[in-house]
N, C-alpha and C. Protein backbone atom coordinates (compact mmCIF):
# COMPACT_ATOMS: atom_id res chain seq x y z
N MET A 1 -59.63 58.06 72.75
CA MET A 1 -58.49 58.54 71.84
C MET A 1 -57.31 58.64 72.27
N THR A 2 -56.17 57.88 72.12
CA THR A 2 -54.61 57.96 72.75
C THR A 2 -53.97 58.88 72.35
N PRO A 3 -52.88 59.29 73.44
CA PRO A 3 -52.25 60.46 73.16
C PRO A 3 -51.55 60.18 71.80
N ARG A 4 -51.15 59.20 71.22
CA ARG A 4 -50.35 59.00 70.03
C ARG A 4 -51.40 59.62 68.94
N ASP A 5 -52.60 58.96 69.11
CA ASP A 5 -53.97 59.58 68.00
C ASP A 5 -53.79 60.97 68.36
N ALA A 6 -53.92 61.37 69.52
CA ALA A 6 -53.95 62.97 69.37
C ALA A 6 -53.05 63.78 68.84
N THR A 7 -51.65 63.41 69.12
CA THR A 7 -50.55 63.62 68.49
C THR A 7 -51.02 63.76 67.08
N THR A 8 -50.99 62.74 66.45
CA THR A 8 -51.09 62.60 64.88
C THR A 8 -52.27 63.69 64.19
N THR A 9 -53.29 63.48 65.22
CA THR A 9 -54.78 64.19 64.59
C THR A 9 -54.20 65.75 64.43
N LYS A 10 -53.46 66.13 65.64
CA LYS A 10 -52.96 67.42 65.59
C LYS A 10 -52.00 67.85 64.58
N ALA A 11 -51.30 66.92 64.18
CA ALA A 11 -49.84 67.35 63.27
C ALA A 11 -51.09 67.18 61.66
N ARG A 12 -51.94 66.19 61.56
CA ARG A 12 -52.42 66.45 60.40
C ARG A 12 -53.40 67.63 60.31
N ILE A 13 -54.03 68.06 61.36
CA ILE A 13 -54.90 69.25 61.37
C ILE A 13 -53.55 70.62 61.05
N LEU A 14 -52.72 70.66 61.38
CA LEU A 14 -52.00 71.56 61.45
C LEU A 14 -51.12 71.70 59.77
N GLU A 15 -51.00 70.31 59.45
CA GLU A 15 -50.56 70.48 57.83
C GLU A 15 -51.63 70.97 57.03
N ASN A 16 -52.73 70.47 57.28
CA ASN A 16 -53.70 71.31 56.10
C ASN A 16 -54.09 72.54 56.44
N ALA A 17 -53.89 72.91 57.68
CA ALA A 17 -54.31 74.56 58.02
C ALA A 17 -53.07 75.04 57.47
N ARG A 18 -52.03 74.91 57.21
CA ARG A 18 -50.84 75.72 56.92
C ARG A 18 -50.82 75.82 55.39
N ARG A 19 -51.35 74.69 54.64
CA ARG A 19 -51.45 74.55 53.52
C ARG A 19 -52.76 75.54 52.85
N GLU A 20 -54.14 75.31 53.76
CA GLU A 20 -55.03 76.38 53.29
C GLU A 20 -54.68 77.66 53.78
N PHE A 21 -54.02 78.22 54.64
CA PHE A 21 -53.93 79.73 55.06
C PHE A 21 -52.94 80.10 54.05
N ALA A 22 -51.66 79.23 53.77
CA ALA A 22 -50.88 79.72 52.97
C ALA A 22 -51.39 79.87 51.39
N GLN A 23 -52.50 78.93 50.88
CA GLN A 23 -53.16 79.37 49.51
C GLN A 23 -53.87 80.51 49.72
N HIS A 24 -54.78 80.59 50.83
CA HIS A 24 -55.98 81.20 50.66
C HIS A 24 -56.07 82.45 51.77
N GLY A 25 -54.89 82.63 52.37
CA GLY A 25 -55.13 83.90 53.35
C GLY A 25 -55.90 83.55 54.68
N TYR A 26 -55.88 84.25 55.66
CA TYR A 26 -56.79 84.06 56.84
C TYR A 26 -58.20 84.19 56.62
N THR A 27 -58.66 85.23 55.73
CA THR A 27 -60.20 85.68 55.89
C THR A 27 -60.77 84.21 55.19
N ALA A 28 -60.54 83.75 54.12
CA ALA A 28 -61.25 82.76 53.21
C ALA A 28 -61.27 81.46 54.15
N VAL A 29 -60.17 81.44 54.92
CA VAL A 29 -60.17 79.67 55.55
C VAL A 29 -61.24 79.92 56.48
N THR A 30 -61.92 78.40 56.58
CA THR A 30 -62.68 78.10 57.69
C THR A 30 -62.65 77.16 58.41
N VAL A 31 -63.11 76.95 59.90
CA VAL A 31 -62.62 75.84 60.50
C VAL A 31 -63.09 74.39 59.81
N LYS A 32 -64.07 74.46 59.25
CA LYS A 32 -64.88 73.53 58.84
C LYS A 32 -63.92 73.26 57.49
N GLY A 33 -63.34 73.69 56.64
CA GLY A 33 -62.68 73.61 55.54
C GLY A 33 -61.59 72.84 55.83
N VAL A 34 -60.84 73.03 56.98
CA VAL A 34 -59.49 72.67 57.36
C VAL A 34 -59.93 71.30 57.97
N ALA A 35 -61.05 71.32 58.90
CA ALA A 35 -61.50 69.74 59.27
C ALA A 35 -61.70 69.29 58.20
N ASP A 36 -62.31 69.41 57.30
CA ASP A 36 -62.73 68.70 56.04
C ASP A 36 -61.52 67.89 55.60
N ALA A 37 -60.83 68.61 55.18
CA ALA A 37 -59.14 68.59 54.48
C ALA A 37 -58.42 67.63 55.49
N ALA A 38 -58.65 67.78 56.74
CA ALA A 38 -57.78 66.79 57.58
C ALA A 38 -58.55 65.57 57.84
N GLY A 39 -59.71 65.77 57.40
CA GLY A 39 -60.63 64.07 57.65
C GLY A 39 -61.22 64.04 59.23
N VAL A 40 -61.35 65.28 59.81
CA VAL A 40 -61.88 65.70 61.33
C VAL A 40 -62.80 66.36 61.41
N SER A 41 -63.57 66.13 62.92
CA SER A 41 -64.64 67.15 62.86
C SER A 41 -64.18 68.40 63.47
N PRO A 42 -64.65 69.22 62.84
CA PRO A 42 -64.47 70.94 63.10
C PRO A 42 -64.16 71.32 65.05
N ASN A 43 -65.08 69.88 65.49
CA ASN A 43 -64.99 70.09 67.16
C ASN A 43 -63.39 70.14 67.95
N LEU A 44 -62.85 69.08 67.14
CA LEU A 44 -61.40 68.77 67.19
C LEU A 44 -60.34 69.89 67.17
N ILE A 45 -60.94 70.73 66.29
CA ILE A 45 -60.03 71.71 65.84
C ILE A 45 -60.07 72.75 67.15
N THR A 46 -61.76 73.30 67.73
CA THR A 46 -61.87 73.82 68.95
C THR A 46 -61.41 73.13 70.17
N ARG A 47 -61.18 71.98 70.11
CA ARG A 47 -60.62 71.23 71.34
C ARG A 47 -59.25 71.45 71.46
N TYR A 48 -58.45 71.27 70.23
CA TYR A 48 -57.15 71.16 70.08
C TYR A 48 -56.31 72.68 70.19
N PHE A 49 -57.43 73.60 69.65
CA PHE A 49 -56.39 75.04 68.93
C PHE A 49 -57.42 76.03 69.63
N GLY A 50 -59.01 75.80 70.13
CA GLY A 50 -59.56 77.10 70.63
C GLY A 50 -60.29 77.55 69.67
N GLY A 51 -60.05 77.07 68.32
CA GLY A 51 -60.91 77.96 67.08
C GLY A 51 -60.01 78.32 66.01
N LYS A 52 -60.37 79.11 65.15
CA LYS A 52 -59.64 79.39 63.91
C LYS A 52 -58.47 80.25 64.52
N ASP A 53 -58.47 80.97 65.35
CA ASP A 53 -57.22 82.28 65.73
C ASP A 53 -56.32 81.33 66.33
N GLY A 54 -56.81 80.58 66.96
CA GLY A 54 -55.53 79.25 67.83
C GLY A 54 -55.23 78.62 66.73
N LEU A 55 -55.65 77.91 66.00
CA LEU A 55 -55.36 77.47 64.76
C LEU A 55 -54.41 78.46 64.03
N PHE A 56 -54.94 79.10 63.38
CA PHE A 56 -53.85 80.24 62.82
C PHE A 56 -52.65 80.40 63.65
N LEU A 57 -52.86 80.83 64.85
CA LEU A 57 -51.21 80.86 65.56
C LEU A 57 -50.38 79.75 65.55
N ALA A 58 -51.25 78.54 65.72
CA ALA A 58 -50.38 77.13 65.61
C ALA A 58 -49.74 77.06 64.18
N ALA A 59 -50.60 77.21 63.13
CA ALA A 59 -49.94 77.10 62.25
C ALA A 59 -48.93 77.84 61.52
N ALA A 60 -49.22 78.90 62.16
CA ALA A 60 -48.25 80.05 61.80
C ALA A 60 -46.64 80.16 62.55
N GLN A 61 -46.32 79.01 63.17
CA GLN A 61 -44.88 79.12 63.96
C GLN A 61 -44.38 79.09 62.81
N VAL A 62 -43.22 79.91 63.01
CA VAL A 62 -41.79 79.88 61.82
C VAL A 62 -40.71 79.73 62.40
N GLU A 63 -39.93 78.95 61.74
CA GLU A 63 -38.54 78.61 62.25
C GLU A 63 -37.69 79.01 60.56
N ILE A 64 -36.41 79.87 60.80
CA ILE A 64 -35.77 79.60 59.60
C ILE A 64 -34.51 79.75 60.13
N PRO A 65 -33.87 78.54 59.54
CA PRO A 65 -32.62 77.93 59.76
C PRO A 65 -31.56 78.69 59.23
N VAL A 66 -30.94 79.81 59.37
CA VAL A 66 -30.01 80.65 58.66
C VAL A 66 -28.65 80.99 59.35
N GLU A 67 -28.58 79.93 60.28
CA GLU A 67 -27.17 80.04 60.74
C GLU A 67 -25.84 79.57 59.90
N ASN A 68 -26.41 78.56 59.06
CA ASN A 68 -25.46 78.20 58.27
C ASN A 68 -24.76 79.35 56.93
N SER A 69 -25.76 80.42 56.88
CA SER A 69 -25.50 81.29 56.01
C SER A 69 -24.55 82.06 56.49
N PHE A 70 -24.17 82.27 57.67
CA PHE A 70 -23.36 83.05 58.22
C PHE A 70 -21.89 82.61 58.29
N ASP A 71 -22.03 81.20 58.07
CA ASP A 71 -20.61 80.63 58.42
C ASP A 71 -19.90 80.92 57.12
N GLY A 72 -18.75 81.76 57.12
CA GLY A 72 -17.93 82.11 56.16
C GLY A 72 -17.82 83.38 55.97
N ASP A 73 -16.98 83.84 54.50
CA ASP A 73 -16.69 85.33 54.55
C ASP A 73 -18.01 85.93 53.70
N ARG A 74 -17.93 87.27 53.88
CA ARG A 74 -19.02 88.13 53.26
C ARG A 74 -19.19 87.79 52.12
N SER A 75 -17.59 87.50 51.33
CA SER A 75 -17.98 87.17 49.82
C SER A 75 -18.76 86.31 49.24
N GLY A 76 -19.05 85.51 50.40
CA GLY A 76 -19.76 84.16 49.88
C GLY A 76 -21.26 84.30 50.55
N LEU A 77 -21.48 85.42 51.18
CA LEU A 77 -22.89 85.26 51.67
C LEU A 77 -24.26 85.52 50.83
N GLY A 78 -24.45 86.01 49.70
CA GLY A 78 -25.19 85.99 48.69
C GLY A 78 -25.75 84.71 48.18
N SER A 79 -24.44 83.80 48.02
CA SER A 79 -24.74 82.30 47.46
C SER A 79 -25.50 81.38 48.83
N ARG A 80 -24.70 81.73 49.68
CA ARG A 80 -25.39 80.95 51.18
C ARG A 80 -26.68 81.47 51.34
N LEU A 81 -27.08 82.72 51.59
CA LEU A 81 -28.45 83.02 51.71
C LEU A 81 -29.22 82.59 50.74
N ALA A 82 -29.08 82.74 49.51
CA ALA A 82 -30.00 82.39 48.49
C ALA A 82 -30.25 81.09 48.36
N ALA A 83 -28.93 80.04 48.69
CA ALA A 83 -29.32 78.86 48.70
C ALA A 83 -30.32 78.33 49.70
N ASN A 84 -30.33 78.72 50.80
CA ASN A 84 -31.20 78.50 51.87
C ASN A 84 -32.69 79.25 51.52
N ILE A 85 -32.82 80.02 50.90
CA ILE A 85 -34.25 80.40 50.68
C ILE A 85 -34.80 79.93 49.45
N VAL A 86 -34.29 79.51 48.57
CA VAL A 86 -34.43 78.69 47.60
C VAL A 86 -35.05 77.41 47.86
N GLN A 87 -34.10 76.68 48.86
CA GLN A 87 -34.47 75.67 49.20
C GLN A 87 -35.78 75.61 50.06
N ARG A 88 -35.95 76.73 50.77
CA ARG A 88 -37.13 76.67 51.57
C ARG A 88 -38.22 76.59 50.69
N TRP A 89 -38.04 77.54 49.65
CA TRP A 89 -39.39 77.87 48.82
C TRP A 89 -39.90 76.62 47.96
N PHE A 90 -38.66 75.93 47.69
CA PHE A 90 -39.08 74.70 46.64
C PHE A 90 -39.36 73.43 48.00
N GLY A 91 -38.93 73.72 49.20
CA GLY A 91 -39.00 72.41 50.03
C GLY A 91 -40.17 72.55 50.40
N GLN A 92 -40.86 73.73 50.63
CA GLN A 92 -42.35 73.60 51.65
C GLN A 92 -43.37 74.62 50.43
N PRO A 93 -43.44 74.16 49.34
CA PRO A 93 -44.08 75.45 48.26
C PRO A 93 -45.45 75.68 48.96
N GLU A 94 -46.38 74.88 49.63
CA GLU A 94 -47.46 75.26 49.89
C GLU A 94 -47.94 75.19 51.44
N GLU A 95 -46.63 74.86 52.27
CA GLU A 95 -47.33 74.75 53.69
C GLU A 95 -46.42 75.29 54.87
N ASP A 96 -45.60 76.46 53.57
CA ASP A 96 -44.26 77.23 54.68
C ASP A 96 -45.33 78.05 55.78
N PRO A 97 -45.03 78.24 56.73
CA PRO A 97 -45.63 78.72 58.07
C PRO A 97 -45.03 80.55 57.66
N LEU A 98 -44.12 80.44 56.97
CA LEU A 98 -43.82 81.92 56.89
C LEU A 98 -44.38 82.49 55.54
N LEU A 99 -44.89 81.61 54.81
CA LEU A 99 -45.86 81.89 53.57
C LEU A 99 -47.30 82.38 54.41
N VAL A 100 -47.76 81.43 55.31
CA VAL A 100 -48.92 81.52 55.75
C VAL A 100 -48.92 83.06 56.37
N LEU A 101 -47.93 83.37 57.41
CA LEU A 101 -47.99 84.89 57.91
C LEU A 101 -48.00 85.76 56.68
N HIS A 102 -47.09 85.66 55.95
CA HIS A 102 -46.93 86.97 54.90
C HIS A 102 -48.43 87.00 54.26
N ARG A 103 -49.15 86.08 53.66
CA ARG A 103 -50.27 86.07 53.23
C ARG A 103 -51.59 86.63 54.01
N ALA A 104 -51.59 86.25 55.17
CA ALA A 104 -52.31 86.69 56.26
C ALA A 104 -52.02 88.16 56.95
N SER A 105 -50.62 88.56 56.73
CA SER A 105 -50.76 89.91 57.01
C SER A 105 -51.49 91.01 56.73
N GLY A 106 -52.03 90.94 55.36
CA GLY A 106 -53.01 91.69 55.09
C GLY A 106 -54.46 91.90 55.37
N ASP A 107 -54.93 90.69 56.15
CA ASP A 107 -56.01 90.71 56.47
C ASP A 107 -55.88 90.73 58.08
N ARG A 108 -54.75 90.36 58.66
CA ARG A 108 -54.71 90.40 60.28
C ARG A 108 -53.66 91.21 60.80
N PRO A 109 -54.02 92.36 61.39
CA PRO A 109 -53.21 92.98 61.90
C PRO A 109 -52.20 92.31 62.66
N GLU A 110 -52.18 91.19 63.63
CA GLU A 110 -51.68 90.82 64.32
C GLU A 110 -50.41 89.80 63.68
N ALA A 111 -51.21 89.32 62.21
CA ALA A 111 -50.24 88.29 61.63
C ALA A 111 -48.98 89.34 61.09
N ALA A 112 -49.65 90.69 60.82
CA ALA A 112 -48.58 91.62 59.92
C ALA A 112 -47.50 92.06 61.11
N GLU A 113 -47.79 92.23 62.16
CA GLU A 113 -46.98 92.46 63.24
C GLU A 113 -46.25 91.34 63.86
N ALA A 114 -47.05 90.11 63.84
CA ALA A 114 -46.11 88.77 64.12
C ALA A 114 -44.74 88.75 62.91
N LEU A 115 -45.19 88.89 61.88
CA LEU A 115 -44.26 88.79 60.55
C LEU A 115 -43.25 89.68 60.78
N ALA A 116 -43.47 91.04 61.01
CA ALA A 116 -42.49 91.96 60.96
C ALA A 116 -41.61 91.52 62.12
N THR A 117 -42.24 91.60 63.38
CA THR A 117 -41.46 90.67 64.67
C THR A 117 -40.47 89.92 64.21
N PHE A 118 -41.15 88.88 63.52
CA PHE A 118 -40.42 87.42 63.33
C PHE A 118 -39.04 88.08 62.30
N LEU A 119 -39.21 88.62 61.23
CA LEU A 119 -38.18 89.10 60.52
C LEU A 119 -37.09 90.05 60.93
N ASP A 120 -37.60 90.72 61.94
CA ASP A 120 -36.65 91.67 62.63
C ASP A 120 -35.67 90.91 63.28
N VAL A 121 -36.22 89.85 64.22
CA VAL A 121 -35.55 88.93 65.40
C VAL A 121 -34.60 87.97 64.64
N HIS A 122 -35.53 87.24 63.57
CA HIS A 122 -34.42 85.92 62.80
C HIS A 122 -34.12 86.19 61.55
N SER A 123 -33.92 87.43 61.11
CA SER A 123 -33.59 87.85 59.67
C SER A 123 -32.85 88.98 59.91
N LEU A 124 -33.44 90.01 60.08
CA LEU A 124 -32.69 91.62 59.92
C LEU A 124 -31.54 91.57 60.93
N GLN A 125 -31.67 91.27 62.23
CA GLN A 125 -31.06 91.37 63.28
C GLN A 125 -29.83 90.22 63.09
N PRO A 126 -29.76 89.47 62.85
CA PRO A 126 -28.60 88.40 62.80
C PRO A 126 -27.93 88.61 61.42
N LEU A 127 -28.53 89.07 60.44
CA LEU A 127 -28.01 89.85 59.05
C LEU A 127 -27.01 90.99 59.47
N ARG A 128 -27.40 91.93 60.26
CA ARG A 128 -26.99 93.14 60.77
C ARG A 128 -25.56 92.62 61.46
N ASN A 129 -25.72 91.76 62.52
CA ASN A 129 -24.92 91.20 63.33
C ASN A 129 -23.55 90.53 62.67
N TYR A 130 -23.91 90.01 61.54
CA TYR A 130 -23.02 89.02 60.47
C TYR A 130 -22.15 90.08 60.20
N LEU A 131 -22.90 91.13 59.37
CA LEU A 131 -22.28 92.20 58.31
C LEU A 131 -21.49 93.18 59.33
N ARG A 132 -21.66 93.32 60.61
CA ARG A 132 -20.81 94.37 61.34
C ARG A 132 -19.99 93.38 61.90
N ASP A 133 -19.96 92.27 62.21
CA ASP A 133 -18.88 91.54 62.90
C ASP A 133 -17.73 90.96 61.46
N SER A 134 -18.26 91.45 60.18
CA SER A 134 -17.24 91.06 58.91
C SER A 134 -16.48 92.51 58.63
N GLY A 135 -16.67 93.24 59.47
CA GLY A 135 -15.72 94.47 59.29
C GLY A 135 -16.79 95.80 59.17
N LEU A 136 -18.01 96.03 58.92
CA LEU A 136 -18.82 97.14 58.50
C LEU A 136 -18.98 97.93 60.01
N THR A 137 -19.33 99.12 59.80
CA THR A 137 -19.73 99.82 60.96
C THR A 137 -21.25 99.48 61.04
N ASP A 138 -21.77 99.52 62.46
CA ASP A 138 -23.13 99.31 62.61
C ASP A 138 -23.90 99.85 61.62
N ALA A 139 -23.89 101.29 61.44
CA ALA A 139 -24.62 101.89 60.51
C ALA A 139 -24.62 101.47 58.87
N GLU A 140 -23.18 100.98 58.66
CA GLU A 140 -23.31 100.05 57.13
C GLU A 140 -24.05 99.25 57.45
N ALA A 141 -24.02 98.21 58.36
CA ALA A 141 -24.15 96.76 58.61
C ALA A 141 -26.05 97.06 58.73
N PHE A 142 -26.35 97.93 59.28
CA PHE A 142 -27.85 98.15 59.44
C PHE A 142 -28.31 98.36 58.06
N SER A 143 -27.67 99.52 57.57
CA SER A 143 -28.42 99.80 56.16
C SER A 143 -28.05 98.60 55.04
N ARG A 144 -27.08 97.68 54.89
CA ARG A 144 -27.00 96.77 53.99
C ARG A 144 -28.12 95.50 54.33
N ALA A 145 -28.07 95.59 55.70
CA ALA A 145 -29.35 94.07 56.09
C ALA A 145 -30.71 94.67 55.83
N ALA A 146 -30.75 95.83 55.90
CA ALA A 146 -32.03 96.30 55.61
C ALA A 146 -32.30 96.24 54.35
N ALA A 147 -31.60 96.48 53.58
CA ALA A 147 -31.60 96.47 52.05
C ALA A 147 -31.57 95.08 51.52
N ILE A 148 -31.16 94.17 52.20
CA ILE A 148 -31.35 92.74 51.86
C ILE A 148 -32.54 92.15 52.29
N ASP A 149 -32.89 92.44 53.46
CA ASP A 149 -34.55 92.14 53.82
C ASP A 149 -35.30 92.45 53.06
N ALA A 150 -35.67 93.94 52.94
CA ALA A 150 -36.33 94.53 51.75
C ALA A 150 -36.70 93.48 50.35
N PHE A 151 -35.27 93.48 49.74
CA PHE A 151 -35.42 92.66 48.76
C PHE A 151 -35.60 91.35 48.88
N VAL A 152 -35.24 90.55 49.98
CA VAL A 152 -35.79 89.35 49.93
C VAL A 152 -37.71 89.19 50.12
N LEU A 153 -37.82 90.06 50.79
CA LEU A 153 -39.42 90.45 51.17
C LEU A 153 -40.29 90.82 49.86
N GLY A 154 -39.52 91.56 49.37
CA GLY A 154 -40.14 92.05 47.76
C GLY A 154 -40.32 90.53 46.87
N VAL A 155 -39.07 89.93 46.85
CA VAL A 155 -39.39 88.89 45.95
C VAL A 155 -40.10 87.97 46.50
N THR A 156 -40.08 87.44 47.67
CA THR A 156 -41.14 87.01 48.26
C THR A 156 -42.30 87.14 48.18
N THR A 157 -42.89 88.33 47.94
CA THR A 157 -44.00 88.82 47.73
C THR A 157 -44.69 88.65 46.58
N ARG A 158 -43.56 89.13 45.46
CA ARG A 158 -43.73 89.18 44.13
C ARG A 158 -43.69 87.59 43.47
N ARG A 159 -43.10 87.07 43.91
CA ARG A 159 -43.36 85.57 43.45
C ARG A 159 -43.95 84.53 44.04
N ARG A 160 -43.97 84.67 45.26
CA ARG A 160 -44.83 83.64 46.11
C ARG A 160 -46.01 84.04 46.71
N VAL A 161 -46.51 85.14 46.96
CA VAL A 161 -47.69 85.69 47.47
C VAL A 161 -48.69 86.29 46.34
N LEU A 162 -48.34 86.62 45.40
CA LEU A 162 -49.09 87.49 44.13
C LEU A 162 -49.34 86.46 43.25
N ARG A 163 -48.30 85.68 42.89
CA ARG A 163 -48.43 84.81 41.82
C ARG A 163 -47.92 83.64 41.98
N SER A 164 -47.25 82.97 42.91
CA SER A 164 -46.82 81.74 42.86
C SER A 164 -45.85 81.40 41.65
N GLU A 165 -45.03 82.14 41.13
CA GLU A 165 -44.08 82.15 40.03
C GLU A 165 -42.78 82.08 40.45
N LEU A 166 -42.10 80.81 41.23
CA LEU A 166 -41.01 80.85 41.30
C LEU A 166 -39.86 80.60 40.22
N GLY A 167 -40.65 79.71 39.18
CA GLY A 167 -39.45 79.89 37.92
C GLY A 167 -37.99 78.35 38.43
N ASP A 168 -37.21 78.61 37.60
CA ASP A 168 -36.19 77.70 37.79
C ASP A 168 -35.34 77.92 38.91
N PRO A 169 -35.19 76.87 39.99
CA PRO A 169 -34.73 77.17 41.03
C PRO A 169 -33.08 77.36 40.90
N ALA A 170 -32.60 76.61 39.95
CA ALA A 170 -31.15 77.31 40.03
C ALA A 170 -30.81 78.76 39.45
N GLU A 171 -31.78 79.04 38.44
CA GLU A 171 -31.88 80.64 37.88
C GLU A 171 -32.29 81.56 39.18
N LEU A 172 -33.20 81.07 39.82
CA LEU A 172 -33.57 82.03 40.92
C LEU A 172 -32.49 82.01 42.12
N GLU A 173 -31.79 81.02 42.26
CA GLU A 173 -30.86 81.00 43.54
C GLU A 173 -29.72 81.84 42.81
N ALA A 174 -29.32 81.80 41.73
CA ALA A 174 -28.08 82.31 41.30
C ALA A 174 -28.54 83.84 41.07
N TRP A 175 -29.69 84.36 40.73
CA TRP A 175 -30.06 85.86 40.53
C TRP A 175 -30.27 86.74 41.90
N MET A 176 -30.52 85.91 42.95
CA MET A 176 -31.06 86.24 44.10
C MET A 176 -29.58 86.33 44.82
N GLY A 177 -28.76 85.49 44.92
CA GLY A 177 -27.59 85.36 45.18
C GLY A 177 -26.59 86.24 44.83
N ALA A 178 -26.67 86.55 43.51
CA ALA A 178 -25.82 87.97 42.95
C ALA A 178 -26.55 89.14 43.60
N THR A 179 -27.77 89.15 43.54
CA THR A 179 -28.32 90.84 44.01
C THR A 179 -27.89 90.70 45.29
N ILE A 180 -28.32 89.70 46.41
CA ILE A 180 -28.13 89.75 47.94
C ILE A 180 -26.18 90.42 48.00
N GLN A 181 -25.45 89.37 46.99
CA GLN A 181 -23.85 89.86 47.29
C GLN A 181 -23.98 91.15 47.34
N ARG A 182 -24.57 91.85 45.94
CA ARG A 182 -23.95 93.25 45.69
C ARG A 182 -24.58 94.46 46.80
N LEU A 183 -25.86 93.89 47.22
CA LEU A 183 -26.63 94.41 48.60
C LEU A 183 -25.47 94.41 49.51
N ALA A 184 -24.72 93.27 49.77
CA ALA A 184 -24.15 92.96 51.21
C ALA A 184 -22.60 93.94 50.99
N ASP A 185 -22.33 93.71 49.70
CA ASP A 185 -20.91 94.51 49.33
C ASP A 185 -21.00 96.12 49.48
N GLY A 186 -22.49 96.62 49.05
CA GLY A 186 -22.80 98.12 49.12
C GLY A 186 -22.12 98.68 47.77
């Protein structure tokens, strides 16, 4: 197998693994099921990822580009943040690595810790810094950032993990934007 074929095969395996883990959680997913979905031998998953745990960790690599949410006045934070969130939810509905971690966090303590750490570093702390830089005290910034973080995590759980009922994207974005803005404004 050439390196290009290996790269393509790994990508296909990861795409299918993300979908499977996001839809079914860690426990219900099998190496054979992912291999079948990807059209490869289960041995390739072992070769490339070391087994189910390694496959899960690779499938759960998360990035959330929120930097542009922090460009501009605090008065528009809610709409900017909501736009990024809704775009992510509708752009990667079944393969979102963040959803993979979220669904697996009930089954795997390491997934729960990875999700908590990820959200602290890539969501809570940047939001806290932004709010503090917008003129709030550090205590106010932390309190408001924690409220926004909890709200978004709750909506994510309710609409993506428990039921997968996102609804109309424009309505969801407007509602989330207004709510996030209220939390940001205190």
